[in-house]
Amino acid sequence: MDPTLRELLNELEQAGRDYDAHEPVHQKRMRNLEPETAHLISILVRSRRCQSLLEIGTSNGYSTLWLAWAARHTGGHITSLERLPEKHALAAANLNRAGLSDYVDLITGDATEIVAGLPGPFDFVLFDADRISAPEQLRLLLPRLLPGALVLADNVLSHPQEIAAYLAAVESLPDFDHTVVPVGKGLSIAYKS
């Protein structure tokens, strides 16, 4: 990884931690991926040569930068969804700083409504936003997932009650292999066969 991008990622990681420590409103926090989780996800994207990526939960673009860096290597493109316009503005600025904005389309609004209208198909999905809405978003995305698609969700170990319905939905899918990796806050990885 380019040292300039690594420096920006380190800066955003620390700024996110500092901001979250002082922000009382949960929805306004950055809630970035843990660095080791983001790194693992970028390895998965590159090793699977993912082309059409969907990220649900952009925040300030920390994870989006990791995905965009990986997508640059695979020739892929990311659609990233975020409810709050101010967070998408931060993400856009960070992607521009990194020279990676050409690899990402930022869409602001309600993720479930947006997912319902996305054409797909997708070979990679990352759920890193509202865990309660994730089962419905997964249901909407199923017809648009390519064989070999990776479907990931963060916060499996840190928020087990909130993500339980999502995990149950994934486990019930007959054509998916699923495991939880104890990295960061817990990462669910499902593979569509």
Protein backbone atom coordinates (compact mmCIF):
# COMPACT_ATOMS: atom_id res chain seq x y z
CA MET A 1 0.00 0.00 0.00
CA ASP A 2 1.18 3.49 -0.84
CA PRO A 3 2.64 5.22 2.27
CA THR A 4 0.47 8.31 1.65
CA LEU A 5 -2.72 6.24 1.70
CA ARG A 6 -1.51 4.34 4.77
CA GLU A 7 -0.90 7.67 6.51
CA LEU A 8 -4.40 8.89 5.62
CA LEU A 9 -5.96 5.65 6.90
CA ASN A 10 -4.02 5.94 10.17
CA GLU A 11 -5.15 9.55 10.48
CA LEU A 12 -8.81 8.64 9.90
CA GLU A 13 -8.63 5.71 12.29
CA GLN A 14 -7.32 7.90 15.10
CA ALA A 15 -9.67 10.80 14.31
CA GLY A 16 -12.62 8.39 14.31
CA ARG A 17 -11.66 6.94 17.69
CA ASP A 18 -11.19 10.42 19.18
CA TYR A 19 -14.49 11.67 17.74
CA ASP A 20 -16.46 8.63 18.89
CA ALA A 21 -15.08 8.91 22.43
CA HIS A 22 -16.67 12.36 22.78
CA GLU A 23 -19.84 12.03 20.66
CA PRO A 24 -22.84 11.06 22.83
CA VAL A 25 -25.22 10.41 19.90
CA HIS A 26 -24.57 6.88 18.62
CA GLN A 27 -25.78 7.55 15.04
CA LYS A 28 -23.40 10.51 14.67
CA ARG A 29 -20.33 8.48 15.65
CA MET A 30 -17.95 7.35 12.91
CA ARG A 31 -17.97 3.71 14.06
CA ASN A 32 -15.18 2.75 11.68
CA LEU A 33 -14.06 -0.81 11.07
CA GLU A 34 -11.16 -1.99 13.16
CA PRO A 35 -7.94 -1.76 11.10
CA GLU A 36 -7.37 -5.52 11.09
CA THR A 37 -10.94 -6.09 9.87
CA ALA A 38 -10.54 -3.54 7.08
CA HIS A 39 -7.24 -5.11 6.04
CA LEU A 40 -8.76 -8.62 5.96
CA ILE A 41 -11.68 -7.36 3.86
CA SER A 42 -9.29 -5.76 1.37
CA ILE A 43 -7.42 -9.07 1.07
CA LEU A 44 -10.71 -10.91 0.43
CA VAL A 45 -11.72 -8.42 -2.28
CA ARG A 46 -8.36 -8.70 -4.02
CA SER A 47 -8.09 -12.47 -3.73
CA ARG A 48 -11.62 -13.00 -5.12
CA ARG A 49 -11.04 -10.27 -7.74
CA CYS A 50 -14.38 -8.68 -6.84
CA GLN A 51 -15.75 -6.34 -9.49
CA SER A 52 -19.12 -5.06 -8.27
CA LEU A 53 -19.03 -4.12 -4.59
CA LEU A 54 -21.77 -2.79 -2.33
CA GLU A 55 -20.99 -1.17 1.01
CA ILE A 56 -23.89 -0.40 3.34
CA GLY A 57 -22.60 2.17 5.82
CA THR A 58 -20.00 4.59 4.46
CA SER A 59 -19.48 6.83 7.50
CA ASN A 60 -16.39 9.00 6.90
CA GLY A 61 -15.06 6.63 4.24
CA TYR A 62 -12.45 4.72 6.26
CA SER A 63 -13.67 1.30 5.10
CA THR A 64 -14.54 2.74 1.69
CA LEU A 65 -10.90 3.74 1.21
CA TRP A 66 -9.78 0.17 1.94
CA LEU A 67 -12.38 -1.15 -0.52
CA ALA A 68 -11.48 1.41 -3.18
CA TRP A 69 -7.80 0.60 -2.87
CA ALA A 70 -8.63 -3.09 -3.35
CA ALA A 71 -11.04 -2.31 -6.22
CA ARG A 72 -8.32 -0.36 -8.00
CA HIS A 73 -6.31 -3.61 -8.09
CA THR A 74 -9.24 -5.72 -9.32
CA GLY A 75 -10.73 -3.25 -11.80
CA GLY A 76 -13.83 -3.15 -9.61
CA HIS A 77 -16.27 -0.45 -8.55
CA ILE A 78 -18.06 0.27 -5.27
CA THR A 79 -21.53 1.57 -4.52
CA SER A 80 -21.51 2.91 -0.96
CA LEU A 81 -24.67 3.86 0.94
CA GLU A 82 -24.94 6.24 3.89
CA ARG A 83 -27.96 7.76 5.59
CA LEU A 84 -26.30 10.99 6.77
CA PRO A 85 -25.25 13.57 4.12
CA GLU A 86 -22.57 15.06 6.37
CA LYS A 87 -20.82 11.69 6.61
CA HIS A 88 -20.95 11.25 2.84
CA ALA A 89 -19.39 14.69 2.46
CA LEU A 90 -16.52 13.56 4.71
CA ALA A 91 -16.17 10.32 2.74
CA ALA A 92 -16.12 12.19 -0.58
CA ALA A 93 -13.39 14.51 0.70
CA ASN A 94 -11.32 11.57 1.97
CA LEU A 95 -11.71 9.65 -1.30
CA ASN A 96 -10.61 12.74 -3.23
CA ARG A 97 -7.62 13.16 -0.94
CA ALA A 98 -6.61 9.57 -1.65
CA GLY A 99 -7.21 9.85 -5.39
CA LEU A 100 -9.71 6.96 -5.22
CA SER A 101 -13.03 8.71 -5.88
CA ASP A 102 -13.28 7.26 -9.42
CA TYR A 103 -13.82 3.81 -7.91
CA VAL A 104 -16.83 4.75 -5.75
CA ASP A 105 -20.39 5.95 -6.19
CA LEU A 106 -21.70 7.50 -2.97
CA ILE A 107 -25.48 7.35 -2.51
CA THR A 108 -27.15 9.11 0.41
CA GLY A 109 -30.46 7.99 1.91
CA ASP A 110 -32.29 5.10 3.53
CA ALA A 111 -30.28 1.96 2.71
CA THR A 112 -33.26 -0.40 2.53
CA GLU A 113 -35.06 1.85 0.04
CA ILE A 114 -31.90 2.28 -2.03
CA VAL A 115 -31.06 -1.44 -2.00
CA ALA A 116 -34.55 -2.22 -3.32
CA GLY A 117 -33.79 -0.18 -6.45
CA LEU A 118 -30.17 -1.19 -7.13
CA PRO A 119 -29.80 -3.23 -10.31
CA GLY A 120 -26.75 -5.28 -9.34
CA PRO A 121 -25.45 -7.84 -9.79
CA PHE A 122 -22.96 -7.83 -6.92
CA ASP A 123 -20.09 -10.12 -6.08
CA PHE A 124 -19.33 -8.46 -2.74
CA VAL A 125 -21.53 -6.91 -0.04
CA LEU A 126 -20.45 -5.39 3.28
CA PHE A 127 -23.10 -4.71 5.90
CA ASP A 128 -21.69 -2.13 8.33
CA ALA A 129 -24.63 0.06 9.29
CA ASP A 130 -28.02 -0.55 10.89
CA ARG A 131 -27.90 -4.21 11.91
CA ILE A 132 -31.68 -4.35 12.46
CA SER A 133 -32.40 -3.59 8.78
CA ALA A 134 -29.73 -5.97 7.45
CA PRO A 135 -31.98 -9.08 7.16
CA GLU A 136 -34.43 -7.23 4.89
CA GLN A 137 -31.59 -5.74 2.87
CA LEU A 138 -30.10 -9.22 2.47
CA ARG A 139 -33.47 -10.57 1.30
CA LEU A 140 -33.69 -7.81 -1.31
CA LEU A 141 -30.14 -8.45 -2.52
CA LEU A 142 -30.30 -12.25 -2.83
CA PRO A 143 -31.55 -12.30 -6.45
CA ARG A 144 -28.74 -9.92 -7.42
CA LEU A 145 -25.83 -11.83 -5.89
CA LEU A 146 -23.53 -13.60 -8.33
CA PRO A 147 -22.30 -17.14 -7.72
CA GLY A 148 -19.12 -16.82 -5.68
CA ALA A 149 -20.30 -13.61 -4.02
CA LEU A 150 -18.96 -12.70 -0.60
CA VAL A 151 -21.45 -11.23 1.90
CA LEU A 152 -19.88 -9.78 5.03
CA ALA A 153 -21.24 -8.15 8.18
CA ASP A 154 -19.29 -6.42 10.94
CA ASN A 155 -20.02 -6.20 14.69
CA VAL A 156 -21.03 -9.84 15.09
CA LEU A 157 -19.28 -10.24 18.44
CA SER A 158 -19.70 -6.69 19.73
CA HIS A 159 -23.50 -6.48 19.10
CA PRO A 160 -24.79 -10.07 19.19
CA GLN A 161 -28.42 -9.25 20.00
CA GLU A 162 -28.72 -6.62 17.27
CA ILE A 163 -27.26 -8.85 14.56
CA ALA A 164 -28.87 -12.14 15.63
CA ALA A 165 -31.69 -11.93 13.05
CA TYR A 166 -29.19 -11.28 10.26
CA LEU A 167 -27.04 -14.23 11.28
CA ALA A 168 -30.12 -16.47 11.46
CA ALA A 169 -31.12 -15.34 7.96
CA VAL A 170 -27.66 -16.11 6.56
CA GLU A 171 -27.52 -19.50 8.29
CA SER A 172 -30.89 -20.44 6.76
CA LEU A 173 -29.70 -19.90 3.18
CA PRO A 174 -29.08 -23.29 1.55
CA ASP A 175 -26.51 -22.15 -1.02
CA PHE A 176 -24.24 -20.21 1.35
CA ASP A 177 -21.24 -21.27 3.44
CA HIS A 178 -20.98 -19.09 6.54
CA THR A 179 -18.51 -18.52 9.33
CA VAL A 180 -17.73 -15.86 11.93
CA VAL A 181 -14.11 -14.72 12.18
CA PRO A 182 -13.07 -13.29 15.56
CA VAL A 183 -11.27 -10.31 14.05
CA GLY A 184 -11.96 -6.76 15.24
CA LYS A 185 -15.54 -6.67 16.51
CA GLY A 186 -16.40 -9.96 14.80
CA LEU A 187 -16.84 -10.45 11.06
CA SER A 188 -19.48 -12.65 9.48
CA ILE A 189 -18.33 -14.05 6.13
CA ALA A 190 -20.78 -15.83 3.84
CA TYR A 191 -19.90 -17.32 0.46
CA LYS A 192 -22.53 -17.98 -2.18
CA SER A 193 -21.76 -21.25 -3.94
